[in-house]
Amino acid sequence: MTVSHLVSLESIRAAAADMEGVVQRTALLPADALTDRVGVPVWLKPENRQPSGAFKLRGAWTAIRRLAPERRAAGVVTYSSGNHGQAVAYAAHQMGVRAVVVMPEMAPAIKVAGVHRWGGEVVLAGRTSDDRFVRAQELVRDEGLTEIPPFDHPDIIAGQGTVGLEILADGPEVHQIVVPVGGGGLCAGICAAVRGSEAPVQVTAVEPVGAAAYRAALAEGRPVRLRAAASVADGLLPLAVGGLTFEHMQGVAVPITVTDAAIIEATRMLARDLGILAEPSGAATTAALLSGTLDLGGPIVLVVSGGNIDPATIDHLQPACVDGS
């Protein structure tokens, strides 16, 4: 893929204009407790405050809005561990469109309820992203629905890139943007915004040690499938980053990994000390900061990607994998 095929800054700006009134423009929040701890200014980008509880609404809205009217009217389907499904259901509800969401059998009840809240139809299928993908393809074939992929699509990337656009506008002095990575849509979008604006900003991609698909892709020079993925951060468990998302991240985003123990500690710290309800996937960036693995060369923005978690469960979180380096 050549640079000309990457998502442009103009496409991200168009996505931002199109989502006004639907997607919340989340303001950067100063995190004084974290600033005091590390000695450089730290802000949070609270995407947990989106109507669907996570950043995914940006990409879902953009992708559905950019469909041809006849395809949109026929309905959409996606496969998701939770947040993307909720986002598709919410966006489709706003447009009066049918939405079917294929979710894993062990999907958190709060995320299943989130899809139902916006009128989405839930289909449970297996335990892996492959299981969900296969079932979604069957629904495309049998019911004429249009697939809205979770991350590996230019419209999804453009929508998620609006997070980066807002950060660059609100924090022009920022030195580093720290982003959680599952399939890579959010990180790819932020990388596209940073590249397109030519901002001197470092992008750091945070993955659980039990699901480090981007690190594996960099080692091979292409996306590769992990044999397994396990983490308390259930939103960061794709077995591979996307081919398109990898092209956007490669050469821009620097990977680091965090343990489940660090993610759990960060989830609890955000709730206790900062009043931020973050699901483990959204707390991974704070975990990276608390673990001492980030470059502290200047002001930092931590993207809190989502907050779809039952507060009562935070004190009972347990590692889903054997922590390691």
Protein backbone atom coordinates (compact mmCIF):
# COMPACT_ATOMS: atom_id res chain seq x y z
CA MET A 1 0.00 0.00 0.00
CA THR A 2 1.28 3.42 -0.90
CA VAL A 3 0.90 6.51 1.23
CA SER A 4 -1.69 7.85 -1.25
CA HIS A 5 -3.99 4.95 -0.25
CA LEU A 6 -3.88 5.81 3.43
CA VAL A 7 -6.77 7.66 5.04
CA SER A 8 -6.27 11.37 4.49
CA LEU A 9 -6.58 14.24 6.92
CA GLU A 10 -9.36 15.57 4.69
CA SER A 11 -11.35 12.34 5.14
CA ILE A 12 -10.95 12.59 8.92
CA ARG A 13 -12.06 16.24 8.90
CA ALA A 14 -15.10 15.31 6.82
CA ALA A 15 -15.95 12.57 9.31
CA ALA A 16 -15.68 15.06 12.17
CA ALA A 17 -18.08 17.47 10.47
CA ASP A 18 -20.58 14.70 9.72
CA MET A 19 -20.75 13.41 13.31
CA GLU A 20 -21.55 16.75 14.94
CA GLY A 21 -24.59 16.48 17.17
CA VAL A 22 -24.28 12.70 17.47
CA VAL A 23 -20.77 12.01 18.73
CA GLN A 24 -19.53 13.93 21.75
CA ARG A 25 -16.41 16.03 21.32
CA THR A 26 -14.64 14.87 24.47
CA ALA A 27 -12.53 17.55 26.15
CA LEU A 28 -9.10 16.71 27.54
CA LEU A 29 -9.22 16.26 31.31
CA PRO A 30 -6.18 17.19 33.42
CA ALA A 31 -5.17 14.18 35.54
CA ASP A 32 -3.45 15.90 38.45
CA ALA A 33 -2.92 12.69 40.41
CA LEU A 34 -1.02 11.21 37.48
CA THR A 35 0.84 14.44 36.74
CA ASP A 36 2.09 14.58 40.33
CA ARG A 37 3.18 10.97 40.11
CA VAL A 38 5.24 11.18 36.90
CA GLY A 39 6.34 14.82 36.83
CA VAL A 40 4.98 15.78 33.39
CA PRO A 41 1.50 17.05 32.46
CA VAL A 42 -0.96 14.21 31.88
CA TRP A 43 -4.42 14.53 30.32
CA LEU A 44 -7.12 11.95 29.76
CA LYS A 45 -9.18 11.74 26.58
CA PRO A 46 -12.45 10.38 28.10
CA GLU A 47 -14.05 8.42 25.27
CA ASN A 48 -15.94 6.50 27.97
CA ARG A 49 -18.32 9.50 27.88
CA GLN A 50 -19.63 8.77 24.39
CA PRO A 51 -23.36 7.93 24.20
CA SER A 52 -22.51 4.28 23.54
CA GLY A 53 -19.76 4.28 26.18
CA ALA A 54 -16.71 4.10 23.90
CA PHE A 55 -14.84 5.67 20.98
CA LYS A 56 -16.26 3.06 18.61
CA LEU A 57 -19.27 5.25 17.87
CA ARG A 58 -17.07 7.53 15.75
CA GLY A 59 -16.11 4.82 13.29
CA ALA A 60 -19.49 3.09 13.28
CA TRP A 61 -21.35 6.32 12.53
CA THR A 62 -18.94 7.25 9.76
CA ALA A 63 -19.05 3.83 8.10
CA ILE A 64 -22.85 3.56 8.14
CA ARG A 65 -23.36 7.16 7.01
CA ARG A 66 -21.04 6.64 4.05
CA LEU A 67 -22.98 3.62 2.75
CA ALA A 68 -25.08 4.04 -0.35
CA PRO A 69 -28.69 4.76 0.75
CA GLU A 70 -30.05 1.47 -0.59
CA ARG A 71 -27.43 -0.58 1.23
CA ARG A 72 -27.99 1.29 4.46
CA ALA A 73 -31.76 0.77 4.20
CA ALA A 74 -31.26 -3.01 3.88
CA GLY A 75 -29.62 -3.16 7.32
CA VAL A 76 -26.15 -3.76 8.71
CA VAL A 77 -24.33 -6.50 10.59
CA THR A 78 -21.14 -6.55 12.58
CA TYR A 79 -19.14 -8.90 14.80
CA SER A 80 -17.91 -7.54 18.10
CA SER A 81 -16.90 -8.38 21.65
CA GLY A 82 -19.11 -5.52 22.74
CA ASN A 83 -18.20 -1.87 22.18
CA HIS A 84 -18.26 -1.84 18.39
CA GLY A 85 -21.54 -3.73 18.48
CA GLN A 86 -23.07 -1.17 20.82
CA ALA A 87 -21.79 1.62 18.60
CA VAL A 88 -23.27 0.08 15.45
CA ALA A 89 -26.58 -0.47 17.26
CA TYR A 90 -26.63 3.15 18.48
CA ALA A 91 -25.68 4.64 15.11
CA ALA A 92 -28.17 2.45 13.25
CA HIS A 93 -30.90 3.39 15.73
CA GLN A 94 -30.26 7.08 15.09
CA MET A 95 -30.64 6.47 11.35
CA GLY A 96 -33.63 4.12 11.58
CA VAL A 97 -31.61 1.18 10.26
CA ARG A 98 -31.74 -2.49 11.28
CA ALA A 99 -28.58 -3.67 13.06
CA VAL A 100 -27.51 -7.23 13.88
CA VAL A 101 -24.52 -7.76 16.18
CA VAL A 102 -22.71 -11.10 16.40
CA MET A 103 -21.13 -11.36 19.85
CA PRO A 104 -19.09 -14.03 21.68
CA GLU A 105 -20.86 -16.46 23.95
CA MET A 106 -18.99 -15.00 26.96
CA ALA A 107 -19.71 -11.35 26.11
CA PRO A 108 -20.16 -9.23 29.27
CA ALA A 109 -23.84 -8.85 30.10
CA ILE A 110 -23.50 -5.06 30.26
CA LYS A 111 -22.33 -5.01 26.63
CA VAL A 112 -25.11 -7.32 25.42
CA ALA A 113 -27.61 -5.11 27.22
CA GLY A 114 -26.04 -2.09 25.55
CA VAL A 115 -26.80 -3.51 22.09
CA HIS A 116 -30.37 -4.31 23.08
CA ARG A 117 -30.81 -0.83 24.56
CA TRP A 118 -30.44 0.69 21.09
CA GLY A 119 -32.65 -1.84 19.34
CA GLY A 120 -29.84 -4.03 18.04
CA GLU A 121 -30.37 -7.76 17.49
CA VAL A 122 -27.79 -9.96 19.24
CA VAL A 123 -26.59 -13.26 17.79
CA LEU A 124 -24.16 -15.24 19.97
CA ALA A 125 -21.47 -17.23 18.16
CA GLY A 126 -18.51 -19.09 19.67
CA ARG A 127 -15.65 -17.60 21.61
CA THR A 128 -13.22 -16.24 19.01
CA SER A 129 -13.26 -13.39 16.52
CA ASP A 130 -13.15 -16.04 13.77
CA ASP A 131 -16.41 -17.56 15.05
CA ARG A 132 -18.08 -14.18 15.00
CA PHE A 133 -16.74 -13.28 11.56
CA VAL A 134 -18.02 -16.51 9.98
CA ARG A 135 -21.50 -16.03 11.44
CA ALA A 136 -21.60 -12.40 10.27
CA GLN A 137 -20.69 -13.48 6.73
CA GLU A 138 -23.57 -15.95 6.79
CA LEU A 139 -25.93 -13.11 7.69
CA VAL A 140 -24.54 -10.98 4.86
CA ARG A 141 -25.20 -13.82 2.42
CA ASP A 142 -28.56 -14.97 3.75
CA GLU A 143 -30.24 -11.68 4.75
CA GLY A 144 -28.63 -9.10 2.47
CA LEU A 145 -27.09 -7.11 5.31
CA THR A 146 -23.99 -4.96 4.85
CA GLU A 147 -21.01 -5.73 7.05
CA ILE A 148 -19.63 -2.92 9.22
CA PRO A 149 -16.19 -4.26 10.21
CA PRO A 150 -14.79 -3.48 13.67
CA PHE A 151 -11.54 -1.86 12.55
CA ASP A 152 -10.03 -2.74 9.17
CA HIS A 153 -11.85 -0.32 6.87
CA PRO A 154 -10.98 3.20 5.70
CA ASP A 155 -14.27 4.70 6.92
CA ILE A 156 -13.82 3.16 10.37
CA ILE A 157 -10.27 4.49 10.50
CA ALA A 158 -11.40 7.95 9.38
CA GLY A 159 -14.04 8.05 12.08
CA GLN A 160 -11.64 6.95 14.81
CA GLY A 161 -9.12 9.46 13.51
CA THR A 162 -11.34 12.24 14.80
CA VAL A 163 -10.03 11.36 18.29
CA GLY A 164 -6.57 12.37 17.12
CA LEU A 165 -7.89 15.46 15.38
CA GLU A 166 -9.47 16.67 18.62
CA ILE A 167 -6.36 15.94 20.69
CA LEU A 168 -4.14 17.90 18.31
CA ALA A 169 -6.55 20.84 18.38
CA ASP A 170 -7.05 20.87 22.16
CA GLY A 171 -3.51 20.00 23.25
CA PRO A 172 -1.13 21.46 20.66
CA GLU A 173 1.79 21.12 23.08
CA VAL A 174 1.25 17.38 23.55
CA HIS A 175 4.40 15.27 23.25
CA GLN A 176 2.84 11.81 23.25
CA ILE A 177 -0.55 10.20 22.60
CA VAL A 178 -0.98 6.80 24.26
CA VAL A 179 -3.57 4.53 22.64
CA PRO A 180 -4.85 1.01 23.41
CA VAL A 181 -4.60 -1.42 20.50
CA GLY A 182 -6.77 -4.41 19.68
CA GLY A 183 -7.43 -4.61 15.96
CA GLY A 184 -5.85 -1.20 15.52
CA GLY A 185 -8.65 1.02 14.20
CA LEU A 186 -8.31 3.71 16.85
CA CYS A 187 -4.53 3.77 16.74
CA ALA A 188 -4.54 3.76 12.93
CA GLY A 189 -6.91 6.72 12.87
CA ILE A 190 -4.81 8.69 15.34
CA CYS A 191 -1.68 7.87 13.35
CA ALA A 192 -3.41 9.13 10.19
CA ALA A 193 -4.32 12.39 11.93
CA VAL A 194 -0.79 12.84 13.26
CA ARG A 195 0.81 12.00 9.91
CA GLY A 196 -1.58 14.19 7.96
CA SER A 197 -1.08 17.20 10.22
CA GLU A 198 2.69 16.64 10.38
CA ALA A 199 2.50 17.17 14.13
CA PRO A 200 5.70 16.32 16.08
CA VAL A 201 3.80 13.89 18.30
CA GLN A 202 4.80 10.40 19.38
CA VAL A 203 2.08 7.74 19.23
CA THR A 204 2.46 4.85 21.66
CA ALA A 205 0.43 1.68 21.09
CA VAL A 206 -0.43 -0.28 24.25
CA GLU A 207 -1.31 -3.98 24.17
CA PRO A 208 -1.82 -6.64 26.85
CA VAL A 209 1.07 -9.09 27.12
CA GLY A 210 -1.37 -11.89 26.32
CA ALA A 211 -2.61 -10.26 23.11
CA ALA A 212 0.30 -8.39 21.54
CA ALA A 213 -0.77 -8.69 17.90
CA TYR A 214 0.75 -5.38 16.77
CA ARG A 215 4.14 -6.22 18.28
CA ALA A 216 4.01 -9.59 16.50
CA ALA A 217 3.15 -7.86 13.22
CA LEU A 218 6.08 -5.48 13.52
CA ALA A 219 8.43 -8.39 14.14
CA GLU A 220 7.29 -10.06 10.91
CA GLY A 221 6.74 -6.92 8.84
CA ARG A 222 3.10 -7.86 8.27
CA PRO A 223 0.03 -8.83 10.31
CA VAL A 224 0.31 -12.33 11.75
CA ARG A 225 -2.21 -14.38 13.68
CA LEU A 226 -1.57 -15.11 17.31
CA ARG A 227 -2.17 -18.70 18.37
CA ALA A 228 -4.33 -17.37 21.22
CA ALA A 229 -5.19 -14.09 22.92
CA ALA A 230 -6.12 -13.70 26.57
CA SER A 231 -6.46 -10.67 28.82
CA VAL A 232 -8.75 -9.03 31.34
CA ALA A 233 -9.02 -6.31 28.64
CA ASP A 234 -11.71 -8.09 26.60
CA GLY A 235 -11.84 -5.34 23.98
CA LEU A 236 -8.18 -5.86 23.01
CA LEU A 237 -8.31 -9.51 21.97
CA PRO A 238 -8.32 -9.78 18.14
CA LEU A 239 -5.91 -12.49 17.03
CA ALA A 240 -4.33 -10.10 14.51
CA VAL A 241 -4.28 -6.43 13.68
CA GLY A 242 -5.84 -5.54 10.37
CA GLY A 243 -3.82 -5.23 7.19
CA LEU A 244 -5.03 -1.68 6.62
CA THR A 245 -4.64 -0.64 10.26
CA PHE A 246 -1.11 -2.04 10.28
CA GLU A 247 -0.18 0.04 7.24
CA HIS A 248 -1.31 3.16 9.08
CA MET A 249 0.43 2.30 12.36
CA GLN A 250 3.72 0.96 11.01
CA GLY A 251 6.46 3.55 11.23
CA VAL A 252 4.34 5.83 13.43
CA ALA A 253 3.13 3.94 16.52
CA VAL A 254 5.67 2.53 18.98
CA PRO A 255 4.45 -0.66 20.73
CA ILE A 256 4.59 -1.44 24.44
CA THR A 257 2.90 -4.17 26.46
CA VAL A 258 1.31 -4.15 29.90
CA THR A 259 0.39 -6.97 32.24
CA ASP A 260 -3.12 -7.81 33.33
CA ALA A 261 -2.12 -6.97 36.89
CA ALA A 262 -1.13 -3.45 35.79
CA ILE A 263 -4.37 -3.02 33.85
CA ILE A 264 -6.43 -4.02 36.88
CA GLU A 265 -4.50 -1.64 39.11
CA ALA A 266 -5.05 1.19 36.62
CA THR A 267 -8.78 0.46 36.32
CA ARG A 268 -9.15 0.72 40.08
CA MET A 269 -6.93 3.80 40.35
CA LEU A 270 -8.92 5.69 37.70
CA ALA A 271 -12.18 4.96 39.52
CA ARG A 272 -10.83 5.61 43.02
CA ASP A 273 -8.60 8.64 42.52
CA LEU A 274 -9.97 10.35 39.40
CA GLY A 275 -13.64 9.34 39.29
CA ILE A 276 -13.19 7.86 35.81
CA LEU A 277 -15.14 4.68 35.06
CA ALA A 278 -12.92 2.85 32.56
CA GLU A 279 -13.21 -0.72 31.42
CA PRO A 280 -9.88 -2.60 31.47
CA SER A 281 -9.31 -1.96 27.75
CA GLY A 282 -9.73 1.76 28.38
CA ALA A 283 -7.42 1.67 31.40
CA ALA A 284 -4.55 0.02 29.51
CA THR A 285 -3.01 3.39 28.65
CA THR A 286 -2.99 4.43 32.32
CA ALA A 287 -1.43 1.06 33.12
CA ALA A 288 1.40 1.87 30.72
CA LEU A 289 2.04 5.15 32.51
CA LEU A 290 1.91 3.62 36.00
CA SER A 291 4.23 0.80 34.89
CA GLY A 292 6.99 3.28 34.12
CA THR A 293 7.36 2.19 30.49
CA LEU A 294 6.47 5.46 28.75
CA ASP A 295 8.81 8.13 27.43
CA LEU A 296 8.29 11.07 29.80
CA GLY A 297 9.81 13.67 27.52
CA GLY A 298 6.80 15.95 27.59
CA PRO A 299 3.02 16.28 28.05
CA ILE A 300 1.07 13.06 27.61
CA VAL A 301 -2.50 12.27 26.55
CA LEU A 302 -3.89 8.91 27.67
CA VAL A 303 -6.86 7.77 25.59
CA VAL A 304 -9.50 6.19 27.84
CA SER A 305 -11.16 4.28 25.04
CA GLY A 306 -14.27 3.03 26.83
CA GLY A 307 -16.16 2.67 30.08
CA ASN A 308 -18.63 -0.16 29.55
CA ILE A 309 -18.10 -1.98 32.82
CA ASP A 310 -20.29 -2.64 35.83
CA PRO A 311 -18.70 -0.58 38.66
CA ALA A 312 -19.50 -3.38 41.10
CA THR A 313 -17.15 -5.73 39.25
CA ILE A 314 -14.03 -3.55 39.40
CA ASP A 315 -12.85 -4.84 42.79
CA HIS A 316 -13.28 -8.43 41.57
CA LEU A 317 -11.28 -8.26 38.33
CA GLN A 318 -8.82 -11.11 37.87
CA PRO A 319 -5.98 -11.61 35.35
CA ALA A 320 -7.06 -13.71 32.39
CA CYS A 321 -3.52 -14.78 31.50
CA VAL A 322 -0.17 -15.54 33.09
CA ASP A 323 1.51 -12.15 33.23
CA GLY A 324 4.91 -11.90 31.69
CA SER A 325 7.21 -9.69 29.67
